Protein backbone atom coordinates (compact mmCIF):
# COMPACT_ATOMS: atom_id res chain seq x y z
CA MET A 1 14.55 -38.33 20.74
CA PRO A 2 14.73 -37.61 24.47
CA SER A 3 13.19 -34.31 25.49
CA SER A 4 16.47 -33.11 26.99
CA GLU A 5 17.91 -32.87 23.46
CA GLU A 6 15.11 -30.70 22.05
CA PRO A 7 16.01 -27.07 21.40
CA GLU A 8 14.75 -24.63 24.00
CA PRO A 9 12.35 -21.87 22.94
CA PRO A 10 13.56 -18.25 23.12
CA ALA A 11 13.61 -16.90 26.67
CA SER A 12 11.48 -13.84 25.91
CA SER A 13 9.44 -12.51 23.03
CA ASP A 14 10.75 -8.96 23.63
CA GLU A 15 14.25 -9.87 22.55
CA ALA A 16 15.25 -8.69 19.08
CA PRO A 17 15.00 -11.70 16.77
CA SER A 18 18.02 -12.69 14.77
CA ALA A 19 17.81 -12.17 11.02
CA SER A 20 16.11 -14.97 9.15
CA ALA A 21 17.99 -17.59 7.19
CA SER A 22 17.07 -15.94 3.89
CA ALA A 23 18.33 -12.58 5.11
CA SER A 24 21.62 -13.69 6.60
CA PRO A 25 22.04 -16.19 9.41
CA GLU A 26 25.24 -14.47 10.56
CA ALA A 27 23.74 -11.01 11.15
CA ASP A 28 25.65 -9.18 13.87
CA LEU A 29 23.34 -6.75 15.63
CA THR A 30 25.97 -5.60 18.14
CA ALA A 31 25.73 -1.89 18.87
CA PRO A 32 28.99 0.09 18.82
CA ASP A 33 29.80 2.77 21.38
CA GLY A 34 27.52 5.77 20.96
CA TYR A 35 24.56 3.75 19.66
CA ALA A 36 21.67 1.96 21.33
CA GLU A 37 21.01 -1.75 20.96
CA ALA A 38 19.43 -2.53 17.58
CA LEU A 39 15.65 -2.27 17.55
CA SER A 40 13.81 -4.67 15.31
CA THR A 41 10.62 -4.06 13.33
CA MET A 42 9.40 -4.68 9.78
CA TRP A 43 9.44 -2.53 6.65
CA GLY A 44 7.89 -2.93 3.23
CA LEU A 45 6.82 -1.51 -0.10
CA ALA A 46 3.26 -2.12 -1.22
CA PRO A 47 2.14 -0.55 -4.49
CA VAL A 48 -1.36 0.90 -4.73
CA PRO A 49 -3.32 0.93 -7.98
CA CYS A 50 -1.79 3.55 -10.24
CA THR A 51 -5.17 5.20 -10.71
CA GLN A 52 -5.06 6.34 -7.08
CA HIS A 53 -2.17 8.66 -8.03
CA GLU A 54 -0.24 8.07 -4.79
CA GLN A 55 3.41 7.59 -3.96
CA GLN A 56 4.82 6.03 -0.81
CA LEU A 57 7.50 7.60 1.40
CA ILE A 58 9.37 5.23 3.75
CA ASN A 59 11.01 6.40 6.96
CA LEU A 60 13.83 4.02 7.91
CA ASP A 61 13.99 5.33 11.49
CA ASP A 62 10.97 3.14 12.24
CA GLY A 63 9.85 1.41 9.03
CA THR A 64 6.71 3.48 8.63
CA GLY A 65 5.38 4.49 5.27
CA ARG A 66 2.97 7.21 4.31
CA THR A 67 1.43 8.28 1.06
CA GLU A 68 1.07 11.59 -0.67
CA ASP A 69 -0.28 12.62 -4.05
CA GLU A 70 1.93 11.27 -6.82
CA ASP A 71 3.90 13.97 -8.60
CA ASN A 72 6.01 12.11 -11.15
CA GLY A 73 8.62 11.22 -8.52
CA ALA A 74 8.80 14.69 -6.95
CA VAL A 75 8.30 14.86 -3.19
CA GLN A 76 6.19 17.55 -1.60
CA GLU A 77 7.25 17.00 2.02
CA PRO A 78 9.90 14.36 2.85
CA GLY A 79 9.15 14.54 6.59
CA GLY A 80 12.17 12.42 7.57
CA ALA A 81 11.63 9.72 4.92
CA GLU A 82 14.62 8.19 3.18
CA LEU A 83 12.95 6.25 0.32
CA LEU A 84 10.40 7.06 -2.38
CA HIS A 85 8.29 4.36 -4.08
CA TRP A 86 6.23 5.75 -6.96
CA PRO A 87 4.49 4.76 -10.21
CA ASP A 88 6.65 5.96 -13.09
CA THR A 89 4.22 6.02 -16.01
CA CYS A 90 0.87 4.71 -14.78
CA THR A 91 0.31 3.07 -18.19
CA GLY A 92 -0.19 -0.40 -16.76
CA LEU A 93 1.15 -2.82 -14.23
CA GLY A 94 4.77 -3.14 -13.26
CA ASP A 95 5.91 0.45 -13.45
CA TYR A 96 6.89 1.27 -9.86
CA GLN A 97 10.27 2.86 -9.12
CA LEU A 98 12.25 3.01 -5.89
CA ARG A 99 14.95 5.55 -5.06
CA ALA A 100 16.60 7.33 -2.18
CA LEU A 101 15.34 10.84 -1.56
CA PRO A 102 17.69 13.79 -2.17
CA ASN A 103 19.94 14.75 0.73
CA THR A 104 19.72 11.29 2.32
CA ARG A 105 22.44 8.70 2.86
CA VAL A 106 21.11 5.42 1.47
CA GLY A 107 22.92 2.55 -0.22
CA LEU A 108 22.60 -1.14 -0.96
CA LEU A 109 24.38 -3.78 1.13
CA ARG A 110 24.85 -6.79 -1.14
CA ALA A 111 23.46 -10.18 -0.12
CA ASP A 112 26.92 -11.70 0.34
CA ALA A 113 28.20 -8.85 2.57
CA PRO A 114 28.21 -9.19 6.36
CA LYS A 115 25.06 -7.82 7.95
CA SER A 116 26.41 -5.57 10.70
CA PHE A 117 26.39 -1.97 11.92
CA ASP A 118 29.77 -1.19 10.34
CA SER A 119 29.05 -2.73 6.93
CA CYS A 120 25.62 -1.09 6.82
CA ARG A 121 26.96 2.35 7.76
CA ALA A 122 29.61 2.02 5.05
CA ALA A 123 27.02 0.93 2.45
CA ALA A 124 24.79 3.88 3.34
CA GLY A 125 27.35 6.21 1.75
CA THR A 126 27.27 4.50 -1.66
CA GLY A 127 24.02 6.04 -2.96
CA PHE A 128 20.87 4.45 -4.34
CA GLY A 129 19.47 5.78 -7.62
CA ALA A 130 16.10 4.98 -9.17
CA LEU A 131 15.39 1.28 -9.69
CA ALA A 132 12.53 -0.11 -11.78
CA LEU A 133 11.26 -2.79 -9.40
CA SER A 134 9.47 -4.75 -12.13
CA GLU A 135 12.70 -5.21 -14.10
CA ARG A 136 14.03 -8.42 -12.54
CA ASN A 137 17.31 -8.34 -14.50
CA ASP A 138 17.96 -4.74 -13.41
CA ARG A 139 17.18 -5.65 -9.78
CA GLU A 140 19.55 -8.61 -9.91
CA ASP A 141 22.31 -6.68 -11.72
CA ARG A 142 22.17 -3.97 -9.05
CA GLY A 143 22.08 -6.51 -6.22
CA PHE A 144 18.51 -5.74 -5.10
CA VAL A 145 17.75 -9.36 -4.24
CA GLU A 146 16.51 -11.35 -1.28
CA GLY A 147 19.22 -11.32 1.39
CA ALA A 148 20.53 -7.86 0.47
CA ALA A 149 19.65 -4.78 2.54
CA LEU A 150 18.99 -1.09 2.03
CA CYS A 151 21.12 0.81 4.54
CA SER A 152 20.80 4.38 5.68
CA VAL A 153 22.20 6.90 8.10
CA THR A 154 18.90 8.59 8.84
CA ASP A 155 18.08 12.23 9.45
CA LYS A 156 18.09 11.39 13.19
CA GLY A 157 21.62 9.95 13.01
CA ALA A 158 20.49 6.33 13.37
CA VAL A 159 21.91 3.54 11.23
CA ALA A 160 19.10 1.51 9.63
CA MET A 161 19.37 -1.86 7.87
CA ALA A 162 16.21 -2.79 5.90
CA VAL A 163 16.78 -6.41 4.93
CA ILE A 164 15.14 -7.55 1.69
CA GLU A 165 13.64 -10.83 2.85
CA HIS A 166 10.79 -11.19 0.38
CA ILE A 167 10.19 -9.91 -3.17
CA ALA A 168 6.92 -10.73 -4.90
CA GLY A 169 5.80 -9.82 -8.42
CA ASP A 170 7.54 -9.27 -11.74
CA ALA A 171 7.19 -7.41 -15.05
CA VAL A 172 3.43 -7.98 -15.30
CA ASP A 173 2.74 -7.31 -11.62
CA ASP A 174 3.57 -4.46 -9.33
CA VAL A 175 6.38 -5.67 -7.09
CA SER A 176 6.14 -5.70 -3.31
CA VAL A 177 9.13 -5.98 -0.98
CA SER A 178 9.32 -6.68 2.76
CA GLY A 179 11.62 -7.81 5.54
CA PRO A 180 13.03 -7.02 8.94
CA LEU A 181 14.34 -3.55 9.74
CA TYR A 182 17.13 -3.14 12.31
CA VAL A 183 17.78 0.35 13.65
CA TRP A 184 20.72 1.42 15.80
CA ALA A 185 19.66 4.79 17.24
CA ALA A 186 22.36 7.31 18.11
CA ALA A 187 22.72 7.51 21.88
CA PRO A 188 21.50 10.80 23.39
């Protein structure tokens, strides 16, 4: 194949990458009026051994997570986080739950839905109750699958789309989840 027909590499590494093929090749990261261009980072859920008695709080403004002492799903200080990932029973492996925190706007954007600002903002208003991550059938029935996204209108007014690109683990393992996070910050 002549070199003139080879695809050119991206012009710059600081450009926001497009969503991966498993997430949605047609992701539209266009920012509407009143919002900044979508920033791209990564997000994830990584369970710790239950014996450490910790729960993870995830802030979808930037994808950061922090831990605090586990309190049976109660949160001591949300600190801007939208999601809680905690061990439900601590009787063995595979007992982690994920839910939106109270007074947050979080919902699930299904894998077959367009990945865009408007669809994500609309999905954020649908709610996201507790989900047993180790229950594959429950995850699939609720649409928490690779290619779907957790969407939120954050406490800072940003619209965040946390794409579920990778799910590892099952009923005998603690499940981890990761993928790209796109955040449209509200313009000042």
